[in-house]
């Protein structure tokens, strides 16, 4: 079976989740630094203009999924690997398949979204891992909120299901079909 229907299905699912995303998680856990002194009129006006430009979409703050200790190009685009509900062994073999495919493509930064806690293996890959735990009853809605947030955060990224790592040249096929 060709990965194209799976890729298109995943993209539609991620777009729907991104539309329902609650961005209050980003605001709630954002790093905040207190201002060292009262802001001058110039600084207040500059912040106001910046806020307006960001809200209108003219100023975009860059989000880099690259890790500091890994060598990726500055202009590299994130490659989202969606692995929710995958067992550990299948995930490992798919990650190794993706690593082979990405070896000669420095233009992609892999981001793995998973619910498998195999951090020793993931750290050897050098990828950013977005871990989505399944929690018990008062916090059982956290996983769904985080998945919607991740779909919103990586809404412009090339997204592949984990099964694409088990096939050859799936990244080329996905990048051609996304254009």
Protein backbone atom coordinates (compact mmCIF):
# COMPACT_ATOMS: atom_id res chain seq x y z
CA UNK A 1 0.00 0.00 0.00
CA UNK A 2 1.29 3.40 -0.96
CA UNK A 3 1.87 5.86 1.91
CA UNK A 4 0.12 8.68 0.00
CA UNK A 5 -3.41 8.03 1.37
CA UNK A 6 -1.99 7.73 4.89
CA UNK A 7 -0.07 10.99 4.46
CA UNK A 8 -3.12 12.85 3.19
CA UNK A 9 -5.27 11.42 5.97
CA UNK A 10 -2.70 12.49 8.58
CA UNK A 11 -2.52 16.00 7.11
CA UNK A 12 -6.29 16.40 7.22
CA UNK A 13 -6.37 15.13 10.81
CA UNK A 14 -3.58 17.53 11.87
CA UNK A 15 -5.27 20.50 10.17
CA UNK A 16 -8.52 19.75 11.98
CA UNK A 17 -6.68 19.46 15.31
CA UNK A 18 -4.78 22.70 14.65
CA UNK A 19 -8.03 24.57 14.04
CA UNK A 20 -9.33 23.38 17.44
CA UNK A 21 -6.06 24.10 19.26
CA UNK A 22 -6.09 25.98 22.51
CA UNK A 23 -3.04 28.23 22.43
CA UNK A 24 -3.39 29.06 26.11
CA UNK A 25 -0.83 26.30 26.83
CA UNK A 26 1.81 28.38 25.04
CA UNK A 27 0.85 31.50 26.96
CA UNK A 28 0.48 29.69 30.27
CA UNK A 29 3.93 28.09 30.23
CA UNK A 30 5.82 30.79 28.34
CA UNK A 31 9.03 32.02 29.87
CA UNK A 32 8.48 35.40 31.42
CA UNK A 33 11.21 37.80 32.41
CA UNK A 34 10.36 40.82 34.54
CA UNK A 35 11.47 44.13 33.02
CA UNK A 36 14.51 45.50 34.82
CA UNK A 37 13.16 49.05 34.82
CA UNK A 38 10.07 50.90 33.64
CA UNK A 39 9.84 51.03 29.87
CA UNK A 40 10.29 54.31 28.06
CA UNK A 41 7.66 55.66 25.69
CA UNK A 42 9.75 54.50 22.72
CA UNK A 43 9.95 50.92 24.05
CA UNK A 44 6.21 50.81 24.82
CA UNK A 45 5.35 52.01 21.32
CA UNK A 46 7.79 49.56 19.76
CA UNK A 47 6.23 46.66 21.70
CA UNK A 48 2.76 47.80 20.71
CA UNK A 49 3.68 47.94 17.02
CA UNK A 50 5.37 44.54 17.26
CA UNK A 51 2.31 43.03 18.94
CA UNK A 52 0.03 44.46 16.24
CA UNK A 53 2.30 43.18 13.44
CA UNK A 54 2.41 39.69 14.99
CA UNK A 55 -1.35 39.59 15.37
CA UNK A 56 -1.84 40.66 11.74
CA UNK A 57 0.65 38.03 10.59
CA UNK A 58 3.27 40.38 9.18
CA UNK A 59 5.88 39.49 11.78
CA UNK A 60 6.51 35.85 12.45
CA UNK A 61 8.59 34.69 15.35
CA UNK A 62 10.79 31.80 14.24
CA UNK A 63 10.29 28.41 15.88
CA UNK A 64 13.34 26.21 15.55
CA UNK A 65 12.85 22.54 16.38
CA UNK A 66 16.58 21.89 16.05
CA UNK A 67 18.60 20.89 19.08
CA UNK A 68 21.66 22.92 20.04
CA UNK A 69 24.03 19.96 20.13
CA UNK A 70 23.01 18.72 16.66
CA UNK A 71 24.19 20.24 13.42
CA UNK A 72 21.24 21.37 11.30
CA UNK A 73 21.10 24.19 8.78
CA UNK A 74 19.44 27.43 9.85
CA UNK A 75 16.91 27.23 7.04
CA UNK A 76 16.02 23.58 7.65
CA UNK A 77 12.31 22.82 7.82
CA UNK A 78 10.76 20.58 10.47
CA UNK A 79 9.66 17.09 9.44
CA UNK A 80 6.91 15.91 11.78
CA UNK A 81 6.84 12.14 12.37
CA UNK A 82 3.48 11.21 13.91
CA UNK A 83 3.86 8.04 15.99
CA UNK A 84 0.93 8.09 18.42
CA UNK A 85 -0.32 4.59 19.20
CA UNK A 86 2.71 2.77 17.76
CA UNK A 87 4.39 -0.07 19.61
CA UNK A 88 8.03 0.25 20.66
CA UNK A 89 9.65 -2.17 18.19
CA UNK A 90 7.82 -0.78 15.16
CA UNK A 91 8.72 2.74 16.25
CA UNK A 92 12.40 1.84 16.58
CA UNK A 93 12.59 0.27 13.12
CA UNK A 94 10.68 3.20 11.57
CA UNK A 95 12.99 5.72 13.26
CA UNK A 96 16.03 3.90 11.89
CA UNK A 97 14.40 3.96 8.44
CA UNK A 98 13.78 7.70 8.73
CA UNK A 99 17.37 8.21 9.92
CA UNK A 100 18.67 6.46 6.77
CA UNK A 101 16.43 8.58 4.55
CA UNK A 102 17.42 11.82 6.32
CA UNK A 103 21.16 11.10 6.22
CA UNK A 104 21.58 12.85 2.86
CA UNK A 105 18.88 15.52 3.42
CA UNK A 106 20.17 18.28 5.69
CA UNK A 107 17.13 20.41 4.84
CA UNK A 108 14.85 18.58 7.30
CA UNK A 109 14.83 18.56 11.10
CA UNK A 110 12.92 15.52 12.37
CA UNK A 111 10.42 16.02 15.20
CA UNK A 112 8.98 12.81 16.64
CA UNK A 113 5.54 12.97 18.28
CA UNK A 114 5.07 9.80 20.31
CA UNK A 115 3.54 8.24 23.38
CA UNK A 116 6.36 5.69 23.78
CA UNK A 117 8.84 6.48 26.55
CA UNK A 118 12.04 5.11 25.02
CA UNK A 119 14.23 8.10 25.79
CA UNK A 120 17.59 6.31 25.65
CA UNK A 121 16.95 5.35 22.02
CA UNK A 122 15.54 8.79 21.12
CA UNK A 123 18.53 10.63 22.58
CA UNK A 124 20.87 8.66 20.32
CA UNK A 125 18.89 9.83 17.30
CA UNK A 126 19.45 13.51 18.08
CA UNK A 127 15.86 14.43 17.21
CA UNK A 128 13.43 16.62 19.05
CA UNK A 129 10.88 14.33 20.72
CA UNK A 130 7.47 15.62 21.71
CA UNK A 131 6.32 13.08 24.29
CA UNK A 132 2.57 12.81 24.86
CA UNK A 133 1.88 10.73 27.98
CA UNK A 134 -1.43 9.05 28.65
CA UNK A 135 -2.39 10.08 32.17
CA UNK A 136 -5.02 8.83 34.58
CA UNK A 137 -8.30 10.46 35.52
CA UNK A 138 -8.12 13.98 36.56
CA UNK A 139 -5.53 14.73 33.87
CA UNK A 140 -6.78 12.45 31.10
CA UNK A 141 -7.62 15.41 28.82
CA UNK A 142 -4.02 16.63 28.82
CA UNK A 143 -2.93 14.31 25.98
CA UNK A 144 -5.67 15.55 23.65
CA UNK A 145 -4.89 19.20 24.46
CA UNK A 146 -1.19 18.64 23.85
CA UNK A 147 -1.85 16.86 20.54
CA UNK A 148 -3.99 19.79 19.38
CA UNK A 149 -1.26 22.21 20.47
CA UNK A 150 1.43 20.24 18.61
CA UNK A 151 -0.75 20.13 15.49
CA UNK A 152 -1.05 23.92 15.73
CA UNK A 153 2.66 24.43 16.49
CA UNK A 154 3.79 22.37 13.48
CA UNK A 155 0.90 23.33 11.19
CA UNK A 156 3.22 24.30 8.32
CA UNK A 157 5.60 21.35 8.67
CA UNK A 158 5.78 18.33 6.43
CA UNK A 159 4.02 15.56 8.39
CA UNK A 160 4.49 11.83 7.89
CA UNK A 161 2.95 8.84 9.65
CA UNK A 162 5.37 6.49 11.33
CA UNK A 163 4.61 3.80 8.73
CA UNK A 164 6.37 5.93 6.12
CA UNK A 165 9.68 5.19 7.85
CA UNK A 166 9.28 1.54 6.97
CA UNK A 167 9.20 2.26 3.21
CA UNK A 168 11.95 3.57 0.94
CA UNK A 169 11.98 7.19 -0.30
CA UNK A 170 8.81 8.16 1.56
CA UNK A 171 10.19 11.62 2.34
CA UNK A 172 10.65 12.37 -1.37
CA UNK A 173 7.14 11.16 -2.15
CA UNK A 174 5.65 13.21 0.69
CA UNK A 175 7.49 16.40 -0.24
CA UNK A 176 6.35 16.05 -3.87
CA UNK A 177 2.72 15.43 -2.83
CA UNK A 178 2.71 18.42 -0.45
CA UNK A 179 3.49 20.91 -3.22
